[in-house]
Amino acid sequence: MPQLPDDLDAVAVRTWCSLSLEALGRERAEIDAINVYPIADGDTGTNLYLTLESAAAAVEAVFAAHETGATAPATADAVRAMAHGALIGARGNSGTILAQLLRGMAGVLADGGDAAHLRLALTSAADAARQAVAHPVEGTVLTVAAEAAQAARGEDPDLGAVVTAAYEGARAALARTPEQLAVLGRAGVVDAGGRGLVAVLGALVETVTGQAPVRGPRTASGNAAKTPVTVDGGSVVGLPVGGTPVEGVTEGGLPASAPLEGPLDCPEDGSAGPAFEVIYLLEARDEQVARLRTRLDALGDSLVVVGGDGLWHVHVHVDDAGAAVEAGVEAGRPYRIRITHFATESGHDVRVQAEPAQRAVVVVVPGDGLAGLCTEAGATTVIARPGEPPASGELVDAIRRAHAREVVLLPNDAALRHTAAAAAEQARTEGVRVALVPTRAAVQGIAALAVHEPDRGFDEDVVAMTAAAGATRYAELAVAERQSWTMAGICQAGDILGLIDGDVAVIGSDVPHTARTVLDRMLAAGGELVTLVLGEDVPDALADALEEHVREGHLAVDTVVYRGGHQRAPLLIGVE
């Protein structure tokens, strides 16, 4: 039996993320089914899961980057990674609020993970989330978070007692949400976002105590209440919260007239609400974000802006999606922009949908430059910015956007293999035939895309793309952050590292010399084509010099150069 933590150290944070993801995975469909506020679009459980998935992936990356493995990373590194991962991967209104809750906790837990710090962290999280919402509403996840923090207050030094009190307080608050928010009372369900938070706090209880807590909200009498559970392909059964049937409501907690397989459509004021959900990440200063909040608040509702330190996650419901994005452009640099039409997402859009294409390619790229190149080649792109790998949900979205019966997925990163496999599996359940070509670098993806022919058979096309990728050796230049032992010897902070096929092969003092050495080593085994992808700040003169170096030293080898834009590595190299 694993040793239980005395405080929330990095290992405990990792376990918490993992158990939270498992819990939300189990309850995702149930939470989706009771999603009626602020928009009854049936995706709260999914959005919470994808947000937590991004947080967990960021924590795993911290552990993977830890050199020796003999000791765990610092707690501060783990909790900050969790918060950052949730921020960049936040989905929907509920996911955005969860990201702010985790950010509020991380700010305190970075200084300590004992009972006293956890109490402060829960309060900080509840306050931060409430401040992030333009117009807080009681009976939502904000209320559940506040009651959890209130229940955890006291002087008990036992960490398990604190997390258990917070969990029980959250359960009790969740059971009361139908009394506080009329739309929930009419539907006979609890708040979906609040239920997701209860699942996350339950995972924290299991992390600290080693015992899985009682699932579900609590009734006023203290007994566990029944909420809808998914059975038999998506229908729902069970009594509404509190165990008391609501007039006109089925046993599953849905209006008697509502189809069991679809989300409720019962906005609080009876109106249809804004047409679009707009989400984007934003690089901007604090004063610019303050003005952005004011402008977006005038454009729509359900406004949530979370983040800080120059990076923000913006969520708003509007009728004019273009104006919401333009407001972000005026405030700073928006990216990862996602616009959802609620009617389309809910299945109520009566417009004729375009016939899906027969085949498409979805490719992950490390910068804007390659995104443009791949888009011109007909691919659907997902940008993986430095330190922000896409989650499986983002890849699934890209597969959907490709709108094709057959999709070839190019992850272009060995670390994305499992994420891409999960996305492919999800897309297959939606009727899309997906082939995952395990490309490990962007230059391999370029090579695969170059031989793609949508008119030939699917299997034949996948084989050709896989062969082209496999025949491409890849390398990249990186800057050493600290002294460490590598396959090429000991490097010092600031050294230029040349990685060939993922391993450090060259240690140099400057980019030009290291790049030439890497090229010579790669071409020693032969090659016909060199691909160079330059980072944002790399001058064109370097590409000219390297092209000349190849031409003089390696006859009959051609060189192509692309601008990668803002990418992690100053230079990517491919040799075919």
Protein backbone atom coordinates (compact mmCIF):
# COMPACT_ATOMS: atom_id res chain seq x y z
CA MET A 1 0.00 0.00 0.00
CA PRO A 2 1.48 3.38 -0.99
CA GLN A 3 2.43 5.72 1.81
CA LEU A 4 -0.12 8.45 2.41
CA PRO A 5 1.18 12.02 2.12
CA ASP A 6 1.62 14.22 5.19
CA ASP A 7 1.25 17.23 2.95
CA LEU A 8 0.55 17.95 -0.71
CA ASP A 9 3.97 17.45 -2.24
CA ALA A 10 4.67 17.04 -5.95
CA VAL A 11 3.89 13.31 -5.92
CA ALA A 12 0.57 13.96 -4.20
CA VAL A 13 -0.29 16.66 -6.75
CA ARG A 14 0.49 14.20 -9.53
CA THR A 15 -1.74 11.56 -7.91
CA TRP A 16 -4.51 14.11 -7.38
CA CYS A 17 -4.47 15.07 -11.05
CA SER A 18 -4.56 11.43 -12.11
CA LEU A 19 -7.42 10.51 -9.78
CA SER A 20 -9.35 13.65 -10.75
CA LEU A 21 -9.05 12.72 -14.41
CA GLU A 22 -10.28 9.21 -13.65
CA ALA A 23 -13.21 10.57 -11.65
CA LEU A 24 -14.25 13.03 -14.32
CA GLY A 25 -13.86 10.32 -16.93
CA ARG A 26 -16.29 8.11 -15.00
CA GLU A 27 -18.81 10.90 -14.44
CA ARG A 28 -18.40 12.85 -17.67
CA ALA A 29 -21.55 11.54 -19.35
CA GLU A 30 -23.61 12.02 -16.19
CA ILE A 31 -22.42 15.60 -15.78
CA ASP A 32 -23.08 16.34 -19.45
CA ALA A 33 -26.63 15.02 -19.01
CA ILE A 34 -27.49 17.49 -16.21
CA ASN A 35 -25.86 20.53 -17.86
CA VAL A 36 -28.63 23.17 -17.98
CA TYR A 37 -26.85 26.38 -16.95
CA PRO A 38 -25.69 28.80 -18.26
CA ILE A 39 -26.30 27.12 -21.64
CA ALA A 40 -27.92 23.72 -21.93
CA ASP A 41 -25.36 22.42 -24.40
CA GLY A 42 -24.61 19.14 -22.64
CA ASP A 43 -20.82 19.48 -22.52
CA THR A 44 -19.87 20.52 -18.97
CA GLY A 45 -18.52 17.10 -18.04
CA THR A 46 -16.53 16.87 -21.25
CA ASN A 47 -15.12 20.38 -20.82
CA LEU A 48 -14.06 19.68 -17.24
CA TYR A 49 -12.42 16.42 -18.30
CA LEU A 50 -10.46 18.07 -21.13
CA THR A 51 -9.35 20.91 -18.85
CA LEU A 52 -8.11 18.46 -16.22
CA GLU A 53 -6.49 16.35 -18.91
CA SER A 54 -4.38 19.35 -19.91
CA ALA A 55 -3.47 20.01 -16.27
CA ALA A 56 -2.45 16.39 -15.70
CA ALA A 57 -0.36 16.36 -18.88
CA ALA A 58 1.52 19.46 -17.72
CA VAL A 59 2.31 17.83 -14.37
CA GLU A 60 3.50 14.67 -16.12
CA ALA A 61 5.79 16.81 -18.26
CA VAL A 62 7.40 18.23 -15.11
CA PHE A 63 8.12 14.73 -13.86
CA ALA A 64 9.37 13.60 -17.27
CA ALA A 65 11.78 16.54 -17.40
CA HIS A 66 13.19 15.79 -13.96
CA GLU A 67 16.68 14.51 -14.55
CA THR A 68 17.56 11.75 -12.12
CA GLY A 69 14.16 10.45 -11.03
CA ALA A 70 15.66 9.74 -7.59
CA THR A 71 13.72 12.60 -6.03
CA ALA A 72 10.47 14.22 -7.06
CA PRO A 73 10.23 17.71 -8.53
CA ALA A 74 9.58 20.63 -6.21
CA THR A 75 5.99 21.04 -5.09
CA ALA A 76 5.91 24.57 -6.47
CA ASP A 77 6.86 23.29 -9.93
CA ALA A 78 4.10 20.67 -9.86
CA VAL A 79 1.27 22.94 -8.71
CA ARG A 80 2.28 25.72 -11.09
CA ALA A 81 2.38 23.24 -13.96
CA MET A 82 -1.07 21.99 -12.97
CA ALA A 83 -2.46 25.53 -12.98
CA HIS A 84 -0.74 26.47 -16.24
CA GLY A 85 -1.87 23.29 -17.96
CA ALA A 86 -5.46 23.90 -16.90
CA LEU A 87 -5.25 27.51 -18.08
CA ILE A 88 -4.04 26.72 -21.59
CA GLY A 89 -6.36 23.74 -21.95
CA ALA A 90 -9.50 25.20 -20.34
CA ARG A 91 -12.70 24.40 -22.22
CA GLY A 92 -16.06 26.08 -21.85
CA ASN A 93 -17.40 28.13 -18.97
CA SER A 94 -16.93 25.33 -16.45
CA GLY A 95 -13.40 24.47 -17.54
CA THR A 96 -12.36 28.11 -17.42
CA ILE A 97 -13.62 28.45 -13.84
CA LEU A 98 -11.92 25.19 -12.85
CA ALA A 99 -8.66 26.56 -14.27
CA GLN A 100 -8.98 29.63 -12.07
CA LEU A 101 -9.77 27.50 -9.02
CA LEU A 102 -6.60 25.49 -9.61
CA ARG A 103 -4.62 28.66 -10.21
CA GLY A 104 -5.89 30.12 -6.92
CA MET A 105 -4.88 26.97 -5.07
CA ALA A 106 -1.47 26.81 -6.73
CA GLY A 107 -0.58 30.30 -5.63
CA VAL A 108 -0.78 29.17 -2.01
CA LEU A 109 0.30 25.52 -2.29
CA ALA A 110 3.54 26.59 -3.95
CA ASP A 111 4.57 27.84 -0.49
CA GLY A 112 3.49 24.74 1.41
CA GLY A 113 1.09 21.80 1.32
CA ASP A 114 0.16 21.28 4.98
CA ALA A 115 -3.34 21.64 6.42
CA ALA A 116 -3.01 25.37 7.09
CA HIS A 117 -1.84 26.09 3.56
CA LEU A 118 -4.60 23.94 2.09
CA ARG A 119 -7.26 25.88 3.99
CA LEU A 120 -5.82 29.12 2.62
CA ALA A 121 -5.59 27.58 -0.84
CA LEU A 122 -9.27 26.63 -0.88
CA THR A 123 -10.27 30.16 0.15
CA SER A 124 -7.92 31.71 -2.39
CA ALA A 125 -9.36 29.46 -5.11
CA ALA A 126 -12.97 30.35 -4.32
CA ASP A 127 -12.19 34.08 -4.21
CA ALA A 128 -10.17 34.01 -7.43
CA ALA A 129 -12.88 32.16 -9.33
CA ARG A 130 -15.60 34.55 -8.15
CA GLN A 131 -13.53 37.57 -9.17
CA ALA A 132 -12.93 36.07 -12.61
CA VAL A 133 -16.65 35.86 -13.39
CA ALA A 134 -18.17 39.15 -14.56
CA HIS A 135 -21.57 38.49 -12.93
CA PRO A 136 -21.37 35.72 -10.29
CA VAL A 137 -24.52 33.66 -9.78
CA GLU A 138 -25.35 31.66 -6.66
CA GLY A 139 -26.22 28.02 -7.06
CA THR A 140 -23.28 27.39 -9.37
CA VAL A 141 -19.78 25.99 -9.00
CA LEU A 142 -18.82 29.33 -7.41
CA THR A 143 -21.13 28.61 -4.50
CA VAL A 144 -19.88 25.05 -4.16
CA ALA A 145 -16.26 26.27 -4.08
CA ALA A 146 -17.04 28.91 -1.46
CA GLU A 147 -18.88 26.44 0.78
CA ALA A 148 -16.05 23.93 0.47
CA ALA A 149 -13.58 26.57 1.64
CA GLN A 150 -15.88 27.62 4.49
CA ALA A 151 -16.32 24.03 5.67
CA ALA A 152 -12.54 23.51 5.74
CA ARG A 153 -11.84 26.44 8.04
CA GLY A 154 -10.66 25.79 11.55
CA GLU A 155 -7.51 24.77 13.40
CA ASP A 156 -7.35 21.04 12.76
CA PRO A 157 -3.73 20.23 11.80
CA ASP A 158 -4.68 16.96 10.09
CA LEU A 159 -4.57 17.24 6.29
CA GLY A 160 -7.06 14.43 5.84
CA ALA A 161 -9.58 16.15 8.10
CA VAL A 162 -9.29 19.38 6.08
CA VAL A 163 -9.82 17.76 2.68
CA THR A 164 -12.68 15.63 3.99
CA ALA A 165 -14.40 18.68 5.48
CA ALA A 166 -14.01 20.56 2.21
CA TYR A 167 -15.45 17.64 0.27
CA GLU A 168 -18.43 17.23 2.60
CA GLY A 169 -19.06 20.98 2.48
CA ALA A 170 -19.01 20.87 -1.31
CA ARG A 171 -21.43 17.94 -1.40
CA ALA A 172 -23.87 19.73 0.91
CA ALA A 173 -23.63 22.92 -1.13
CA LEU A 174 -24.18 20.99 -4.36
CA ALA A 175 -27.39 19.45 -3.00
CA ARG A 176 -28.72 22.96 -2.29
CA THR A 177 -28.02 24.38 -5.76
CA PRO A 178 -31.53 23.61 -7.12
CA GLU A 179 -32.95 25.81 -4.33
CA GLN A 180 -30.67 28.71 -5.29
CA LEU A 181 -30.92 28.64 -9.09
CA ALA A 182 -34.41 28.38 -10.52
CA VAL A 183 -33.41 26.67 -13.77
CA LEU A 184 -31.88 23.82 -11.76
CA GLY A 185 -34.96 23.52 -9.58
CA ARG A 186 -37.25 23.34 -12.60
CA ALA A 187 -35.11 20.63 -14.16
CA GLY A 188 -34.65 18.75 -10.88
CA VAL A 189 -30.85 18.55 -11.21
CA VAL A 190 -27.84 19.92 -9.40
CA ASP A 191 -25.34 22.31 -10.97
CA ALA A 192 -23.16 20.41 -13.44
CA GLY A 193 -20.03 22.46 -12.81
CA GLY A 194 -20.47 22.08 -9.07
CA ARG A 195 -20.78 18.34 -9.44
CA GLY A 196 -17.52 18.30 -11.39
CA LEU A 197 -15.80 20.20 -8.58
CA VAL A 198 -17.12 17.66 -6.06
CA ALA A 199 -15.49 14.93 -8.16
CA VAL A 200 -12.17 16.80 -8.14
CA LEU A 201 -12.33 17.32 -4.37
CA GLY A 202 -13.25 13.67 -3.94
CA ALA A 203 -10.08 12.75 -5.79
CA LEU A 204 -8.16 14.97 -3.38
CA VAL A 205 -9.69 13.10 -0.44
CA GLU A 206 -8.62 9.78 -1.97
CA THR A 207 -5.12 11.15 -2.58
CA VAL A 208 -4.67 12.22 1.04
CA THR A 209 -6.56 9.50 2.92
CA GLY A 210 -6.23 6.55 0.57
CA GLN A 211 -10.00 6.02 0.70
CA ALA A 212 -12.43 6.90 -2.08
CA PRO A 213 -15.21 9.08 -0.59
CA VAL A 214 -18.94 8.64 -0.99
CA ARG A 215 -19.94 9.88 -4.43
CA GLY A 216 -22.66 12.39 -5.17
CA PRO A 217 -24.18 15.40 -3.35
CA ARG A 218 -25.80 15.30 0.07
CA THR A 219 -29.41 15.93 0.92
CA ALA A 220 -30.48 18.25 3.73
CA SER A 221 -30.74 15.22 6.00
CA GLY A 222 -27.15 14.26 5.31
CA ASN A 223 -27.86 11.20 3.16
CA ALA A 224 -26.35 10.80 -0.26
CA ALA A 225 -28.71 12.05 -2.92
CA LYS A 226 -29.28 10.33 -6.23
CA THR A 227 -28.41 12.14 -9.41
CA PRO A 228 -28.82 10.90 -12.97
CA VAL A 229 -26.58 8.07 -14.04
CA THR A 230 -26.01 6.97 -17.61
CA VAL A 231 -27.18 3.52 -18.66
CA ASP A 232 -28.14 1.69 -21.83
CA GLY A 233 -26.59 3.87 -24.45
CA GLY A 234 -27.19 7.26 -22.94
CA SER A 235 -30.66 7.23 -21.30
CA VAL A 236 -30.71 8.34 -17.69
CA VAL A 237 -32.41 6.95 -14.61
CA GLY A 238 -32.53 7.85 -10.92
CA LEU A 239 -34.35 10.38 -8.75
CA PRO A 240 -33.69 14.12 -8.86
CA VAL A 241 -31.52 15.60 -6.12
CA GLY A 242 -32.91 15.10 -2.63
CA GLY A 243 -34.81 11.98 -3.66
CA THR A 244 -38.05 13.92 -4.24
CA PRO A 245 -39.62 13.81 -7.71
CA VAL A 246 -40.32 17.18 -9.34
CA GLU A 247 -43.63 17.69 -11.14
CA GLY A 248 -43.23 17.29 -14.88
CA VAL A 249 -39.78 15.76 -14.53
CA THR A 250 -38.80 12.22 -15.45
CA GLU A 251 -36.97 9.90 -13.08
CA GLY A 252 -33.75 10.88 -14.83
CA GLY A 253 -34.02 14.52 -13.81
CA LEU A 254 -35.09 15.70 -17.28
CA PRO A 255 -38.31 17.52 -18.24
CA ALA A 256 -40.98 15.05 -19.29
CA SER A 257 -40.99 16.55 -22.78
CA ALA A 258 -37.22 16.47 -23.22
CA PRO A 259 -35.55 13.70 -25.24
CA LEU A 260 -33.47 11.56 -22.92
CA GLU A 261 -30.52 11.45 -25.28
CA GLY A 262 -30.15 15.24 -25.65
CA PRO A 263 -29.27 18.19 -23.39
CA LEU A 264 -31.88 20.38 -21.78
CA ASP A 265 -32.77 23.70 -23.40
CA CYS A 266 -34.02 25.88 -20.56
CA PRO A 267 -32.14 29.16 -20.20
CA GLU A 268 -32.70 31.07 -16.98
CA ASP A 269 -34.71 33.91 -18.51
CA GLY A 270 -36.47 31.86 -21.16
CA SER A 271 -34.60 33.52 -24.02
CA ALA A 272 -32.45 31.76 -26.56
CA GLY A 273 -29.30 33.51 -25.32
CA PRO A 274 -26.27 34.49 -27.35
CA ALA A 275 -25.49 32.47 -30.46
CA PHE A 276 -21.76 31.88 -30.01
CA GLU A 277 -19.25 30.80 -27.42
CA VAL A 278 -15.86 32.46 -27.98
CA ILE A 279 -12.73 31.20 -26.25
CA TYR A 280 -9.11 32.19 -26.73
CA LEU A 281 -5.78 32.47 -24.97
CA LEU A 282 -4.48 36.02 -24.76
CA GLU A 283 -1.03 37.47 -24.17
CA ALA A 284 -1.68 40.92 -22.67
CA ARG A 285 -0.85 43.24 -19.79
CA ASP A 286 -3.14 43.58 -16.77
CA GLU A 287 -4.39 47.05 -17.68
CA GLN A 288 -5.30 45.87 -21.17
CA VAL A 289 -7.26 42.95 -19.74
CA ALA A 290 -9.24 45.29 -17.47
CA ARG A 291 -10.41 47.22 -20.54
CA LEU A 292 -11.11 43.96 -22.37
CA ARG A 293 -13.39 42.78 -19.58
CA THR A 294 -15.46 45.95 -19.85
CA ARG A 295 -15.80 45.67 -23.60
CA LEU A 296 -16.69 41.97 -23.62
CA ASP A 297 -19.19 42.45 -20.80
CA ALA A 298 -21.04 44.88 -23.04
CA LEU A 299 -21.01 42.42 -25.95
CA GLY A 300 -22.46 39.35 -24.23
CA ASP A 301 -22.72 37.28 -21.06
CA SER A 302 -21.11 34.34 -19.23
CA LEU A 303 -17.87 36.33 -19.28
CA VAL A 304 -14.97 34.66 -17.49
CA VAL A 305 -11.39 35.92 -17.78
CA VAL A 306 -8.78 33.96 -15.85
CA GLY A 307 -5.01 33.93 -15.66
CA GLY A 308 -2.29 36.46 -14.97
CA ASP A 309 1.42 37.09 -15.46
CA GLY A 310 0.81 38.07 -19.06
CA LEU A 311 -1.24 35.00 -20.11
CA TRP A 312 -5.03 34.91 -19.91
CA HIS A 313 -7.86 32.60 -20.88
CA VAL A 314 -10.94 34.42 -22.16
CA HIS A 315 -14.44 32.91 -22.34
CA VAL A 316 -17.64 34.75 -23.35
CA HIS A 317 -21.03 34.09 -24.95
CA VAL A 318 -21.90 36.63 -27.67
CA ASP A 319 -23.93 37.17 -30.81
CA ASP A 320 -21.05 38.93 -32.58
CA ALA A 321 -18.12 36.50 -32.43
CA GLY A 322 -15.98 38.71 -34.66
CA ALA A 323 -16.29 41.65 -32.27
CA ALA A 324 -15.22 39.45 -29.34
CA VAL A 325 -12.10 38.36 -31.20
CA GLU A 326 -11.35 41.93 -32.34
CA ALA A 327 -11.52 43.05 -28.72
CA GLY A 328 -8.84 40.49 -27.94
CA VAL A 329 -6.67 41.75 -30.81
CA GLU A 330 -6.89 45.29 -29.45
CA ALA A 331 -5.93 44.07 -25.96
CA GLY A 332 -2.98 41.90 -26.96
CA ARG A 333 -2.25 38.76 -28.96
CA PRO A 334 -5.09 36.22 -28.99
CA TYR A 335 -4.47 32.67 -30.18
CA ARG A 336 -6.02 29.22 -29.96
CA ILE A 337 -9.27 30.93 -30.87
CA ARG A 338 -12.30 28.63 -30.68
CA ILE A 339 -15.77 29.76 -31.76
CA THR A 340 -18.74 27.46 -31.18
CA HIS A 341 -22.22 28.03 -32.59
CA PHE A 342 -24.57 26.79 -29.87
CA ALA A 343 -27.35 25.76 -32.24
CA THR A 344 -24.97 23.65 -34.27
CA GLU A 345 -23.43 22.07 -31.16
CA SER A 346 -26.87 21.26 -29.73
CA GLY A 347 -28.06 19.64 -32.92
CA HIS A 348 -30.74 22.30 -33.58
CA ASP A 349 -29.13 23.96 -36.61
CA VAL A 350 -31.47 23.44 -39.54
CA ARG A 351 -29.02 24.65 -42.17
CA VAL A 352 -27.88 22.08 -44.69
CA GLN A 353 -24.42 20.85 -43.71
CA ALA A 354 -21.77 20.42 -46.37
CA GLU A 355 -21.08 16.87 -47.47
CA PRO A 356 -17.92 15.61 -45.74
CA ALA A 357 -14.80 15.26 -47.82
CA GLN A 358 -13.50 11.79 -48.47
CA ARG A 359 -10.10 12.34 -46.85
CA ALA A 360 -8.20 14.97 -44.86
CA VAL A 361 -4.93 15.35 -43.00
CA VAL A 362 -4.69 16.79 -39.48
CA VAL A 363 -1.20 17.91 -38.52
CA VAL A 364 0.30 19.30 -35.30
CA VAL A 365 2.85 22.04 -36.00
CA PRO A 366 5.21 23.92 -33.66
CA GLY A 367 4.65 27.44 -35.03
CA ASP A 368 2.51 29.78 -37.12
CA GLY A 369 4.82 29.59 -40.14
CA LEU A 370 4.45 25.86 -40.61
CA ALA A 371 0.74 26.15 -39.89
CA GLY A 372 0.38 28.40 -42.93
CA LEU A 373 2.47 26.04 -45.06
CA CYS A 374 0.42 22.99 -44.08
CA THR A 375 -2.85 24.84 -44.51
CA GLU A 376 -1.83 25.78 -48.06
CA ALA A 377 -1.19 22.09 -48.65
CA GLY A 378 -4.77 21.37 -47.61
CA ALA A 379 -4.20 20.11 -44.07
CA THR A 380 -6.08 21.06 -40.91
CA THR A 381 -3.56 22.32 -38.37
CA VAL A 382 -3.19 22.39 -34.60
CA ILE A 383 -0.47 24.67 -33.24
CA ALA A 384 1.63 23.32 -30.36
CA ARG A 385 3.16 26.41 -28.81
CA PRO A 386 6.23 26.19 -26.54
CA GLY A 387 5.21 24.53 -23.29
CA GLU A 388 1.60 24.13 -24.48
CA PRO A 389 1.10 20.69 -26.06
CA PRO A 390 -2.43 20.12 -27.35
CA ALA A 391 -4.73 17.84 -25.38
CA SER A 392 -6.65 15.00 -27.02
CA GLY A 393 -9.81 17.12 -27.06
CA GLU A 394 -8.10 19.72 -29.21
CA LEU A 395 -7.01 17.05 -31.67
CA VAL A 396 -10.56 15.64 -31.76
CA ASP A 397 -11.84 19.13 -32.52
CA ALA A 398 -9.38 19.40 -35.40
CA ILE A 399 -10.52 16.04 -36.78
CA ARG A 400 -14.10 17.28 -36.64
CA ARG A 401 -13.15 20.54 -38.35
CA ALA A 402 -11.51 18.57 -41.13
CA HIS A 403 -15.03 17.23 -41.86
CA ALA A 404 -13.93 14.12 -43.70
CA ARG A 405 -14.80 10.43 -43.71
CA GLU A 406 -11.12 9.48 -43.53
CA VAL A 407 -8.41 11.37 -41.62
CA VAL A 408 -4.65 10.91 -41.42
CA LEU A 409 -3.33 12.29 -38.12
CA LEU A 410 0.28 13.52 -37.89
CA PRO A 411 1.22 14.36 -34.25
CA ASN A 412 4.84 15.36 -35.11
CA ASP A 413 6.01 14.76 -31.54
CA ALA A 414 6.86 11.51 -29.78
CA ALA A 415 5.44 12.94 -26.54
CA LEU A 416 2.02 13.29 -28.23
CA ARG A 417 1.77 9.64 -29.20
CA HIS A 418 -0.69 8.65 -26.45
CA THR A 419 -2.64 11.90 -26.75
CA ALA A 420 -3.01 11.42 -30.51
CA ALA A 421 -4.01 7.77 -30.04
CA ALA A 422 -6.76 8.80 -27.61
CA ALA A 423 -8.02 11.43 -30.06
CA ALA A 424 -8.03 8.92 -32.92
CA GLU A 425 -9.98 6.43 -30.82
CA GLN A 426 -12.55 9.08 -29.89
CA ALA A 427 -12.98 10.12 -33.52
CA ARG A 428 -13.46 6.51 -34.55
CA THR A 429 -16.41 6.21 -32.15
CA GLU A 430 -17.94 9.13 -34.08
CA GLY A 431 -17.71 7.25 -37.36
CA VAL A 432 -14.50 8.74 -38.75
CA ARG A 433 -11.85 6.40 -40.12
CA VAL A 434 -8.58 7.64 -38.60
CA ALA A 435 -5.04 6.50 -39.27
CA LEU A 436 -2.32 7.68 -36.91
CA VAL A 437 1.08 8.07 -38.57
CA PRO A 438 3.54 8.23 -35.62
CA THR A 439 5.60 11.20 -36.83
CA ARG A 440 8.03 12.38 -34.15
CA ALA A 441 9.03 15.77 -35.59
CA ALA A 442 7.59 18.51 -37.77
CA VAL A 443 10.02 17.74 -40.62
CA GLN A 444 8.70 14.17 -40.72
CA GLY A 445 5.18 15.58 -40.95
CA ILE A 446 6.22 17.80 -43.86
CA ALA A 447 7.70 14.81 -45.65
CA ALA A 448 4.52 12.78 -45.10
CA LEU A 449 2.28 15.61 -46.26
CA ALA A 450 4.39 16.04 -49.41
CA VAL A 451 3.51 12.54 -50.66
CA HIS A 452 -0.14 12.64 -49.59
CA GLU A 453 -2.52 11.86 -52.47
CA PRO A 454 -6.21 11.94 -51.53
CA ASP A 455 -7.27 10.24 -54.77
CA ARG A 456 -5.56 6.93 -54.08
CA GLY A 457 -6.75 4.27 -51.64
CA PHE A 458 -6.70 5.15 -47.96
CA ASP A 459 -4.39 2.31 -46.91
CA GLU A 460 -2.04 2.99 -49.81
CA ASP A 461 -1.91 6.69 -48.93
CA VAL A 462 -1.19 5.96 -45.26
CA VAL A 463 1.59 3.52 -46.18
CA ALA A 464 3.22 6.09 -48.49
CA MET A 465 3.02 8.83 -45.86
CA THR A 466 4.38 6.54 -43.17
CA ALA A 467 7.28 5.48 -45.40
CA ALA A 468 8.14 9.12 -46.23
CA ALA A 469 8.11 10.07 -42.55
CA GLY A 470 10.19 7.05 -41.58
CA ALA A 471 12.79 7.87 -44.22
CA THR A 472 13.30 11.35 -42.78
CA ARG A 473 15.90 11.75 -40.04
CA TYR A 474 15.22 14.72 -37.84
CA ALA A 475 17.21 17.06 -35.66
CA GLU A 476 16.74 20.26 -33.74
CA LEU A 477 18.87 22.83 -31.96
CA ALA A 478 18.13 23.75 -28.38
CA VAL A 479 19.70 25.93 -25.68
CA ALA A 480 20.78 24.11 -22.51
CA GLU A 481 19.03 25.54 -19.46
CA ARG A 482 21.46 24.10 -16.89
CA GLN A 483 24.48 21.90 -16.51
CA SER A 484 23.64 18.26 -17.18
CA TRP A 485 24.97 14.99 -18.48
CA THR A 486 24.04 14.12 -22.08
CA MET A 487 24.85 11.40 -24.60
CA ALA A 488 27.48 13.77 -26.02
CA GLY A 489 29.05 14.66 -22.66
CA ILE A 490 28.47 17.31 -20.02
CA CYS A 491 26.83 20.53 -21.20
CA GLN A 492 26.74 23.87 -19.44
CA ALA A 493 23.86 26.36 -19.19
CA GLY A 494 23.73 28.35 -22.41
CA ASP A 495 25.37 25.71 -24.60
CA ILE A 496 23.77 24.98 -27.97
CA LEU A 497 22.66 21.36 -28.16
CA GLY A 498 22.20 19.49 -31.40
CA LEU A 499 19.67 16.69 -30.97
CA ILE A 500 19.56 14.03 -33.70
CA ASP A 501 16.56 11.68 -33.64
CA GLY A 502 15.81 12.86 -30.11
CA ASP A 503 19.25 12.36 -28.54
CA VAL A 504 21.90 15.01 -27.86
CA ALA A 505 24.65 14.36 -30.41
CA VAL A 506 26.49 17.70 -30.53
CA ILE A 507 27.36 20.30 -27.88
CA GLY A 508 28.38 23.65 -29.34
CA SER A 509 28.91 27.26 -28.38
CA ASP A 510 26.89 28.92 -31.15
CA VAL A 511 24.03 28.11 -33.50
CA PRO A 512 25.84 28.27 -36.90
CA HIS A 513 28.73 25.97 -35.94
CA THR A 514 26.46 23.50 -34.14
CA ALA A 515 24.05 23.42 -37.09
CA ARG A 516 26.86 22.68 -39.57
CA THR A 517 28.17 19.86 -37.37
CA VAL A 518 24.70 18.35 -37.05
CA LEU A 519 24.15 18.53 -40.81
CA ASP A 520 27.47 16.84 -41.55
CA ARG A 521 26.70 14.00 -39.16
CA MET A 522 23.26 13.45 -40.62
CA LEU A 523 24.45 13.60 -44.24
CA ALA A 524 27.33 11.20 -43.55
CA ALA A 525 24.76 8.42 -43.85
CA GLY A 526 23.50 9.83 -47.16
CA GLY A 527 20.58 11.98 -48.16
CA GLU A 528 18.91 13.72 -51.08
CA LEU A 529 16.99 16.58 -49.49
CA VAL A 530 17.66 18.81 -46.47
CA THR A 531 14.76 20.67 -44.87
CA LEU A 532 15.50 23.65 -42.63
CA VAL A 533 12.79 25.24 -40.47
CA LEU A 534 13.93 28.54 -38.95
CA GLY A 535 12.60 29.93 -35.69
CA GLU A 536 11.16 33.41 -35.32
CA ASP A 537 14.39 35.17 -34.32
CA VAL A 538 16.80 33.29 -36.58
CA PRO A 539 18.18 35.49 -39.40
CA ASP A 540 17.85 34.48 -43.05
CA ALA A 541 21.64 34.69 -43.29
CA LEU A 542 21.92 31.46 -41.28
CA ALA A 543 19.78 29.59 -43.80
CA ASP A 544 21.87 30.99 -46.67
CA ALA A 545 25.09 29.90 -44.95
CA LEU A 546 23.79 26.40 -44.21
CA GLU A 547 22.46 26.01 -47.75
CA GLU A 548 25.88 26.93 -49.11
CA HIS A 549 27.55 24.52 -46.66
CA VAL A 550 25.39 21.67 -47.92
CA ARG A 551 25.96 22.60 -51.56
CA GLU A 552 29.76 22.71 -51.15
CA GLY A 553 30.19 19.62 -49.04
CA HIS A 554 27.46 17.30 -50.24
CA LEU A 555 26.92 17.07 -53.97
CA ALA A 556 23.46 16.37 -55.38
CA VAL A 557 21.73 17.27 -52.09
CA ASP A 558 19.00 19.89 -52.36
CA THR A 559 17.94 22.25 -49.55
CA VAL A 560 14.53 23.78 -48.82
CA VAL A 561 13.95 26.46 -46.18
CA TYR A 562 10.77 27.33 -44.30
CA ARG A 563 9.97 29.93 -41.68
CA GLY A 564 8.48 28.25 -38.62
CA GLY A 565 7.50 31.39 -36.72
CA HIS A 566 7.27 31.31 -32.93
CA GLN A 567 8.53 27.80 -32.12
CA ARG A 568 10.48 26.19 -29.29
CA ALA A 569 13.64 25.35 -31.27
CA PRO A 570 15.64 27.98 -33.17
CA LEU A 571 16.24 25.46 -35.96
CA LEU A 572 14.64 22.20 -37.10
CA ILE A 573 16.47 19.99 -39.59
CA GLY A 574 15.24 17.12 -41.72
CA VAL A 575 17.24 14.86 -44.03
CA GLU A 576 15.51 12.59 -46.52
